[in-house]
N, C-alpha and C. Protein backbone atom coordinates (compact mmCIF):
# COMPACT_ATOMS: atom_id res chain seq x y z
N MET A 1 -50.60 43.49 19.13
CA MET A 1 -49.91 44.51 18.38
C MET A 1 -50.87 45.05 17.30
N ASN A 2 -50.91 46.34 17.16
CA ASN A 2 -51.83 46.88 16.17
C ASN A 2 -51.19 46.90 14.78
N LEU A 3 -52.03 47.03 13.77
CA LEU A 3 -51.59 46.96 12.38
C LEU A 3 -50.60 48.06 12.04
N HIS A 4 -50.84 49.26 12.51
CA HIS A 4 -49.95 50.38 12.22
C HIS A 4 -48.53 50.11 12.74
N LYS A 5 -48.43 49.58 13.93
CA LYS A 5 -47.13 49.25 14.53
C LYS A 5 -46.43 48.16 13.73
N GLU A 6 -47.18 47.14 13.30
CA GLU A 6 -46.60 46.05 12.51
C GLU A 6 -46.05 46.58 11.18
N ILE A 7 -46.80 47.45 10.54
CA ILE A 7 -46.37 48.03 9.27
C ILE A 7 -45.10 48.85 9.47
N GLN A 8 -45.06 49.64 10.52
CA GLN A 8 -43.87 50.45 10.80
C GLN A 8 -42.66 49.57 11.07
N ASP A 9 -42.85 48.48 11.78
CA ASP A 9 -41.75 47.56 12.08
C ASP A 9 -41.21 46.91 10.81
N ILE A 10 -42.10 46.52 9.90
CA ILE A 10 -41.69 45.92 8.64
C ILE A 10 -40.95 46.94 7.79
N LYS A 11 -41.46 48.15 7.73
CA LYS A 11 -40.80 49.22 6.97
C LYS A 11 -39.40 49.48 7.51
N LEU A 12 -39.26 49.53 8.82
CA LEU A 12 -37.96 49.74 9.44
C LEU A 12 -36.99 48.59 9.10
N LYS A 13 -37.48 47.37 9.16
CA LYS A 13 -36.65 46.20 8.84
C LYS A 13 -36.17 46.27 7.40
N ARG A 14 -37.05 46.63 6.47
CA ARG A 14 -36.69 46.74 5.06
C ARG A 14 -35.66 47.86 4.84
N ASP A 15 -35.89 49.00 5.48
CA ASP A 15 -34.95 50.13 5.36
C ASP A 15 -33.57 49.75 5.90
N GLN A 16 -33.54 49.08 7.03
CA GLN A 16 -32.26 48.67 7.61
C GLN A 16 -31.55 47.67 6.72
N PHE A 17 -32.30 46.77 6.11
CA PHE A 17 -31.71 45.80 5.20
C PHE A 17 -31.09 46.50 4.00
N LEU A 18 -31.80 47.46 3.42
CA LEU A 18 -31.26 48.20 2.27
C LEU A 18 -30.02 49.00 2.66
N LYS A 19 -30.03 49.62 3.82
CA LYS A 19 -28.89 50.42 4.26
C LYS A 19 -27.70 49.56 4.64
N SER A 20 -27.93 48.31 4.96
CA SER A 20 -26.84 47.42 5.38
C SER A 20 -26.02 46.90 4.21
N PHE A 21 -26.48 47.12 2.98
CA PHE A 21 -25.76 46.60 1.81
C PHE A 21 -24.40 47.27 1.67
N SER A 22 -23.39 46.44 1.58
CA SER A 22 -22.03 46.89 1.32
C SER A 22 -21.41 45.91 0.33
N PRO A 23 -21.00 46.38 -0.86
CA PRO A 23 -20.51 45.46 -1.88
C PRO A 23 -19.40 44.52 -1.41
N GLY A 24 -18.51 44.98 -0.57
CA GLY A 24 -17.41 44.15 -0.12
C GLY A 24 -17.78 43.15 0.95
N GLU A 25 -18.95 43.30 1.52
CA GLU A 25 -19.31 42.45 2.65
C GLU A 25 -20.54 41.57 2.43
N VAL A 26 -21.25 41.76 1.32
CA VAL A 26 -22.44 40.96 1.08
C VAL A 26 -22.04 39.52 0.80
N SER A 27 -22.84 38.59 1.29
CA SER A 27 -22.54 37.18 1.10
C SER A 27 -23.72 36.46 0.47
N THR A 28 -23.44 35.28 -0.01
CA THR A 28 -24.48 34.43 -0.57
C THR A 28 -25.56 34.20 0.47
N ASN A 29 -25.14 33.95 1.69
CA ASN A 29 -26.07 33.69 2.77
C ASN A 29 -27.00 34.89 3.03
N ASP A 30 -26.47 36.10 2.96
CA ASP A 30 -27.29 37.30 3.17
C ASP A 30 -28.45 37.35 2.18
N ILE A 31 -28.13 37.11 0.91
CA ILE A 31 -29.16 37.19 -0.13
C ILE A 31 -30.13 36.02 -0.02
N GLU A 32 -29.62 34.83 0.27
CA GLU A 32 -30.49 33.66 0.43
C GLU A 32 -31.47 33.87 1.59
N GLN A 33 -30.97 34.37 2.71
CA GLN A 33 -31.84 34.60 3.87
C GLN A 33 -32.90 35.66 3.56
N ALA A 34 -32.50 36.73 2.88
CA ALA A 34 -33.46 37.78 2.53
C ALA A 34 -34.53 37.26 1.57
N SER A 35 -34.14 36.36 0.66
CA SER A 35 -35.11 35.83 -0.29
C SER A 35 -36.13 34.91 0.38
N LYS A 36 -35.82 34.45 1.57
CA LYS A 36 -36.73 33.58 2.32
C LYS A 36 -37.53 34.34 3.38
N ASP A 37 -37.12 35.55 3.69
CA ASP A 37 -37.79 36.36 4.71
C ASP A 37 -39.01 37.03 4.11
N ILE A 38 -40.17 36.74 4.63
CA ILE A 38 -41.43 37.24 4.08
C ILE A 38 -41.48 38.77 4.02
N ASN A 39 -40.76 39.43 4.90
CA ASN A 39 -40.78 40.89 4.91
C ASN A 39 -39.75 41.51 3.96
N LEU A 40 -38.81 40.72 3.47
CA LEU A 40 -37.74 41.24 2.61
C LEU A 40 -37.81 40.71 1.18
N GLN A 41 -38.44 39.59 0.97
CA GLN A 41 -38.38 38.92 -0.32
C GLN A 41 -39.00 39.70 -1.47
N SER A 42 -39.81 40.70 -1.19
CA SER A 42 -40.42 41.48 -2.27
C SER A 42 -39.59 42.70 -2.67
N ILE A 43 -38.44 42.89 -2.04
CA ILE A 43 -37.56 44.00 -2.41
C ILE A 43 -36.98 43.72 -3.79
N ARG A 44 -36.99 44.74 -4.64
CA ARG A 44 -36.41 44.59 -5.96
C ARG A 44 -34.88 44.52 -5.85
N LEU A 45 -34.30 43.59 -6.57
CA LEU A 45 -32.85 43.37 -6.54
C LEU A 45 -32.10 44.63 -6.95
N HIS A 46 -32.58 45.32 -7.99
CA HIS A 46 -31.91 46.54 -8.46
C HIS A 46 -31.88 47.59 -7.36
N LYS A 47 -32.98 47.72 -6.62
CA LYS A 47 -33.02 48.70 -5.52
C LYS A 47 -32.04 48.29 -4.42
N PHE A 48 -32.00 47.02 -4.10
CA PHE A 48 -31.09 46.52 -3.08
C PHE A 48 -29.65 46.85 -3.44
N LEU A 49 -29.27 46.61 -4.68
CA LEU A 49 -27.88 46.80 -5.10
C LEU A 49 -27.48 48.27 -5.26
N THR A 50 -28.45 49.14 -5.54
CA THR A 50 -28.11 50.53 -5.85
C THR A 50 -28.57 51.56 -4.82
N SER A 51 -29.30 51.15 -3.82
CA SER A 51 -29.92 52.11 -2.90
C SER A 51 -28.92 52.96 -2.10
N ASN A 52 -27.74 52.44 -1.84
CA ASN A 52 -26.79 53.22 -1.04
C ASN A 52 -25.84 54.06 -1.89
N GLY A 53 -25.95 53.97 -3.21
CA GLY A 53 -25.16 54.79 -4.10
C GLY A 53 -23.77 54.25 -4.44
N GLU A 54 -23.40 53.12 -3.88
CA GLU A 54 -22.07 52.56 -4.16
C GLU A 54 -22.00 51.84 -5.50
N MET A 55 -23.13 51.37 -5.98
CA MET A 55 -23.20 50.66 -7.26
C MET A 55 -23.99 51.54 -8.24
N GLY A 56 -23.51 51.67 -9.45
CA GLY A 56 -24.18 52.48 -10.45
C GLY A 56 -25.47 51.85 -10.93
N LYS A 57 -26.49 52.66 -11.14
CA LYS A 57 -27.80 52.15 -11.56
C LYS A 57 -27.77 51.59 -12.97
N VAL A 58 -27.15 52.29 -13.90
CA VAL A 58 -27.12 51.83 -15.29
C VAL A 58 -26.27 50.57 -15.42
N ALA A 59 -25.10 50.57 -14.82
CA ALA A 59 -24.23 49.40 -14.87
C ALA A 59 -24.91 48.18 -14.24
N THR A 60 -25.62 48.41 -13.15
CA THR A 60 -26.31 47.31 -12.48
C THR A 60 -27.45 46.79 -13.34
N ALA A 61 -28.18 47.68 -13.99
CA ALA A 61 -29.26 47.26 -14.89
C ALA A 61 -28.70 46.43 -16.04
N LYS A 62 -27.57 46.84 -16.60
CA LYS A 62 -26.93 46.09 -17.69
C LYS A 62 -26.47 44.72 -17.20
N PHE A 63 -25.91 44.69 -15.99
CA PHE A 63 -25.49 43.41 -15.42
C PHE A 63 -26.68 42.47 -15.25
N LEU A 64 -27.78 42.99 -14.68
CA LEU A 64 -28.96 42.15 -14.48
C LEU A 64 -29.47 41.60 -15.80
N ASP A 65 -29.46 42.43 -16.82
CA ASP A 65 -29.89 41.99 -18.15
C ASP A 65 -28.97 40.87 -18.65
N SER A 66 -27.68 40.96 -18.36
CA SER A 66 -26.73 39.95 -18.83
C SER A 66 -26.95 38.58 -18.20
N ILE A 67 -27.62 38.55 -17.05
CA ILE A 67 -27.92 37.25 -16.41
C ILE A 67 -29.41 36.94 -16.47
N ASN A 68 -30.07 37.54 -17.45
CA ASN A 68 -31.49 37.30 -17.74
C ASN A 68 -32.42 37.70 -16.60
N LEU A 69 -32.07 38.78 -15.91
CA LEU A 69 -32.95 39.38 -14.91
C LEU A 69 -33.21 40.80 -15.37
N ASN A 70 -34.06 41.53 -14.63
CA ASN A 70 -34.30 42.92 -14.99
C ASN A 70 -34.45 43.76 -13.73
N GLU A 71 -34.72 45.04 -13.91
CA GLU A 71 -34.80 45.97 -12.78
C GLU A 71 -35.96 45.67 -11.84
N ASN A 72 -36.91 44.89 -12.28
CA ASN A 72 -38.07 44.57 -11.45
C ASN A 72 -37.98 43.20 -10.78
N THR A 73 -36.89 42.50 -10.98
CA THR A 73 -36.71 41.19 -10.36
C THR A 73 -36.66 41.35 -8.84
N LYS A 74 -37.42 40.52 -8.16
CA LYS A 74 -37.47 40.57 -6.70
C LYS A 74 -36.55 39.50 -6.11
N LEU A 75 -36.15 39.69 -4.88
CA LEU A 75 -35.24 38.75 -4.22
C LEU A 75 -35.79 37.33 -4.21
N ILE A 76 -37.08 37.18 -4.07
CA ILE A 76 -37.69 35.85 -4.01
C ILE A 76 -37.52 35.08 -5.32
N GLU A 77 -37.29 35.78 -6.42
CA GLU A 77 -37.18 35.16 -7.74
C GLU A 77 -35.78 34.60 -8.05
N LEU A 78 -34.83 34.82 -7.18
CA LEU A 78 -33.44 34.42 -7.45
C LEU A 78 -33.20 32.95 -7.17
N ASP A 79 -32.36 32.36 -8.01
CA ASP A 79 -31.91 31.00 -7.73
C ASP A 79 -30.41 31.06 -7.40
N ASN A 80 -29.82 29.93 -7.09
CA ASN A 80 -28.42 29.90 -6.66
C ASN A 80 -27.46 30.42 -7.72
N THR A 81 -27.74 30.14 -8.98
CA THR A 81 -26.88 30.62 -10.07
C THR A 81 -26.88 32.14 -10.12
N HIS A 82 -28.08 32.73 -9.99
CA HIS A 82 -28.19 34.19 -9.98
C HIS A 82 -27.45 34.79 -8.78
N ILE A 83 -27.62 34.18 -7.64
CA ILE A 83 -27.00 34.70 -6.42
C ILE A 83 -25.47 34.68 -6.55
N GLU A 84 -24.92 33.60 -7.07
CA GLU A 84 -23.47 33.52 -7.25
C GLU A 84 -22.98 34.59 -8.23
N ALA A 85 -23.72 34.81 -9.32
CA ALA A 85 -23.34 35.84 -10.29
C ALA A 85 -23.41 37.22 -9.66
N ILE A 86 -24.39 37.46 -8.83
CA ILE A 86 -24.54 38.75 -8.14
C ILE A 86 -23.38 38.98 -7.20
N ILE A 87 -23.00 37.97 -6.44
CA ILE A 87 -21.88 38.08 -5.51
C ILE A 87 -20.60 38.40 -6.28
N ASP A 88 -20.38 37.71 -7.39
CA ASP A 88 -19.19 37.99 -8.23
C ASP A 88 -19.22 39.43 -8.73
N TYR A 89 -20.38 39.90 -9.16
CA TYR A 89 -20.52 41.26 -9.68
C TYR A 89 -20.20 42.31 -8.61
N VAL A 90 -20.76 42.17 -7.43
CA VAL A 90 -20.56 43.21 -6.41
C VAL A 90 -19.16 43.18 -5.80
N LYS A 91 -18.48 42.05 -5.88
CA LYS A 91 -17.14 41.95 -5.29
C LYS A 91 -16.05 42.45 -6.26
N ARG A 92 -16.41 42.74 -7.51
CA ARG A 92 -15.41 43.22 -8.48
C ARG A 92 -14.89 44.57 -8.10
């Protein structure tokens, strides 16, 4: 497989992951798996939560700040406490 094809495949996987976000359907397992996937773990949490327009950017940034994270926090940086707080936030 050539490098260009691999890059395109990774980009497609990341785009599909971002588009698949739905506040009512996201689970702890979804976020845990993404944080372990080498192709997804560098996605910024703020982008993941707000990319489809269902979650407000300012409100999400304030929420992240309230749990000692910021707009640049990546999925790989999350621990179980953060993930549970995120799930509670998006399900409200």
